[in-house]
Amino acid sequence: MAPIRQSAAVHDDTQSARHNLGRLVTEAEAAAMLCLSPTTLKKWRRTRRGPVYYRLGSAVRYKVDDLESYLEDSIENPRNPRHDATGNQ
């Protein structure tokens, strides 16, 4: 029974670490969330544009919170270019 308890403890630690890190999504999931193609995200990474990303070995991941922040920072109001969408200068 000890191995089962140890396994459960490891599972709990992993879940806690994932929660603290934030939800990570793949390149394809991030592209879908931004209504872009994965190729666009690849180009942006090469040219140091776009949202923050994480490279884990050969895997690229994005935090959902970072994608949301990137969208918020990208708001433009064409009717009043001197103001952002919230009315701030």
C-alpha atoms as a PDB file:
ATOM      1  CA  MET A   1       0.000   0.000   0.000  1.00  0.00           C
ATOM      2  CA  ALA A   2       2.885   2.412   0.538  1.00  0.00           C
ATOM      3  CA  PRO A   3       3.586   2.721  -3.212  1.00  0.00           C
ATOM      4  CA  ILE A   4      -0.045   3.743  -3.821  1.00  0.00           C
ATOM      5  CA  ARG A   5       0.162   6.515  -1.226  1.00  0.00           C
ATOM      6  CA  GLN A   6       3.493   7.659  -2.650  1.00  0.00           C
ATOM      7  CA  SER A   7       2.014   7.711  -6.137  1.00  0.00           C
ATOM      8  CA  ALA A   8      -0.942   9.760  -4.928  1.00  0.00           C
ATOM      9  CA  ALA A   9       1.419  12.223  -3.233  1.00  0.00           C
ATOM     10  CA  VAL A  10       3.434  12.602  -6.430  1.00  0.00           C
ATOM     11  CA  HIS A  11       0.197  13.137  -8.370  1.00  0.00           C
ATOM     12  CA  ASP A  12      -0.903  15.829  -5.901  1.00  0.00           C
ATOM     13  CA  ASP A  13       2.481  17.583  -6.184  1.00  0.00           C
ATOM     14  CA  THR A  14       2.282  17.493  -9.981  1.00  0.00           C
ATOM     15  CA  GLN A  15      -1.247  18.922  -9.970  1.00  0.00           C
ATOM     16  CA  SER A  16      -0.171  21.662  -7.558  1.00  0.00           C
ATOM     17  CA  ALA A  17       2.832  22.560  -9.737  1.00  0.00           C
ATOM     18  CA  ARG A  18       0.652  22.725 -12.848  1.00  0.00           C
ATOM     19  CA  HIS A  19      -1.822  24.973 -11.051  1.00  0.00           C
ATOM     20  CA  ASN A  20       0.942  27.343  -9.927  1.00  0.00           C
ATOM     21  CA  LEU A  21       2.460  27.437 -13.410  1.00  0.00           C
ATOM     22  CA  GLY A  22      -0.804  28.239 -15.153  1.00  0.00           C
ATOM     23  CA  ARG A  23      -2.463  26.350 -17.943  1.00  0.00           C
ATOM     24  CA  LEU A  24      -0.044  25.576 -20.773  1.00  0.00           C
ATOM     25  CA  VAL A  25      -1.278  24.979 -24.306  1.00  0.00           C
ATOM     26  CA  THR A  26       0.403  23.706 -27.445  1.00  0.00           C
ATOM     27  CA  GLU A  27       1.308  25.857 -30.412  1.00  0.00           C
ATOM     28  CA  ALA A  28      -1.740  24.594 -32.312  1.00  0.00           C
ATOM     29  CA  GLU A  29      -4.045  25.379 -29.376  1.00  0.00           C
ATOM     30  CA  ALA A  30      -2.523  28.847 -28.954  1.00  0.00           C
ATOM     31  CA  ALA A  31      -2.917  29.550 -32.675  1.00  0.00           C
ATOM     32  CA  ALA A  32      -6.570  28.504 -32.524  1.00  0.00           C
ATOM     33  CA  MET A  33      -7.173  30.730 -29.486  1.00  0.00           C
ATOM     34  CA  LEU A  34      -5.710  33.715 -31.373  1.00  0.00           C
ATOM     35  CA  CYS A  35      -7.429  32.808 -34.671  1.00  0.00           C
ATOM     36  CA  LEU A  36      -4.026  32.474 -36.340  1.00  0.00           C
ATOM     37  CA  SER A  37      -2.162  29.676 -38.044  1.00  0.00           C
ATOM     38  CA  PRO A  38       0.632  27.815 -36.246  1.00  0.00           C
ATOM     39  CA  THR A  39       2.913  29.015 -39.056  1.00  0.00           C
ATOM     40  CA  THR A  40       2.258  32.629 -38.039  1.00  0.00           C
ATOM     41  CA  LEU A  41       3.282  31.868 -34.455  1.00  0.00           C
ATOM     42  CA  LYS A  42       6.464  30.183 -35.731  1.00  0.00           C
ATOM     43  CA  LYS A  43       7.311  33.245 -37.824  1.00  0.00           C
ATOM     44  CA  TRP A  44       6.631  35.530 -34.882  1.00  0.00           C
ATOM     45  CA  ARG A  45       8.963  33.495 -32.655  1.00  0.00           C
ATOM     46  CA  ARG A  46      11.743  33.730 -35.258  1.00  0.00           C
ATOM     47  CA  THR A  47      11.305  37.515 -35.480  1.00  0.00           C
ATOM     48  CA  ARG A  48      10.812  37.960 -31.714  1.00  0.00           C
ATOM     49  CA  ARG A  49       7.220  39.113 -32.036  1.00  0.00           C
ATOM     50  CA  GLY A  50       3.964  37.855 -30.612  1.00  0.00           C
ATOM     51  CA  PRO A  51       3.083  36.431 -27.219  1.00  0.00           C
ATOM     52  CA  VAL A  52       5.550  35.089 -24.672  1.00  0.00           C
ATOM     53  CA  TYR A  53       6.269  31.389 -25.137  1.00  0.00           C
ATOM     54  CA  TYR A  54       8.124  28.614 -23.335  1.00  0.00           C
ATOM     55  CA  ARG A  55      10.460  26.097 -24.924  1.00  0.00           C
ATOM     56  CA  LEU A  56      10.544  22.797 -23.046  1.00  0.00           C
ATOM     57  CA  GLY A  57      13.148  20.764 -24.881  1.00  0.00           C
ATOM     58  CA  SER A  58      11.858  20.785 -28.436  1.00  0.00           C
ATOM     59  CA  ALA A  59       8.264  21.504 -27.385  1.00  0.00           C
ATOM     60  CA  VAL A  60       6.827  25.029 -27.505  1.00  0.00           C
ATOM     61  CA  ARG A  61       4.111  25.941 -25.038  1.00  0.00           C
ATOM     62  CA  TYR A  62       2.114  29.064 -24.262  1.00  0.00           C
ATOM     63  CA  LYS A  63       0.426  30.078 -21.011  1.00  0.00           C
ATOM     64  CA  VAL A  64      -3.245  30.931 -21.433  1.00  0.00           C
ATOM     65  CA  ASP A  65      -2.730  33.973 -19.167  1.00  0.00           C
ATOM     66  CA  ASP A  66       0.067  35.222 -21.461  1.00  0.00           C
ATOM     67  CA  LEU A  67      -2.136  34.830 -24.526  1.00  0.00           C
ATOM     68  CA  GLU A  68      -4.916  36.792 -22.831  1.00  0.00           C
ATOM     69  CA  SER A  69      -2.439  39.530 -21.834  1.00  0.00           C
ATOM     70  CA  TYR A  70      -1.106  39.669 -25.386  1.00  0.00           C
ATOM     71  CA  LEU A  71      -4.640  40.182 -26.690  1.00  0.00           C
ATOM     72  CA  GLU A  72      -5.339  42.907 -24.130  1.00  0.00           C
ATOM     73  CA  ASP A  73      -2.109  44.698 -25.067  1.00  0.00           C
ATOM     74  CA  SER A  74      -3.054  44.500 -28.751  1.00  0.00           C
ATOM     75  CA  ILE A  75      -6.355  46.377 -28.451  1.00  0.00           C
ATOM     76  CA  GLU A  76      -6.676  49.274 -30.865  1.00  0.00           C
ATOM     77  CA  ASN A  77      -9.567  51.674 -31.291  1.00  0.00           C
ATOM     78  CA  PRO A  78      -9.732  52.814 -34.937  1.00  0.00           C
ATOM     79  CA  ARG A  79     -12.318  55.491 -34.173  1.00  0.00           C
ATOM     80  CA  ASN A  80      -9.966  57.273 -31.809  1.00  0.00           C
ATOM     81  CA  PRO A  81      -6.338  56.221 -32.418  1.00  0.00           C
ATOM     82  CA  ARG A  82      -5.082  58.387 -29.546  1.00  0.00           C
ATOM     83  CA  HIS A  83      -7.027  56.319 -27.034  1.00  0.00           C
ATOM     84  CA  ASP A  84      -7.062  52.653 -26.272  1.00  0.00           C
ATOM     85  CA  ALA A  85     -10.293  50.699 -25.996  1.00  0.00           C
ATOM     86  CA  THR A  86     -10.712  51.701 -22.350  1.00  0.00           C
ATOM     87  CA  GLY A  87     -10.539  55.412 -23.164  1.00  0.00           C
ATOM     88  CA  ASN A  88      -7.053  55.957 -21.707  1.00  0.00           C
ATOM     89  CA  GLN A  89      -4.428  58.018 -23.475  1.00  0.00           C
END
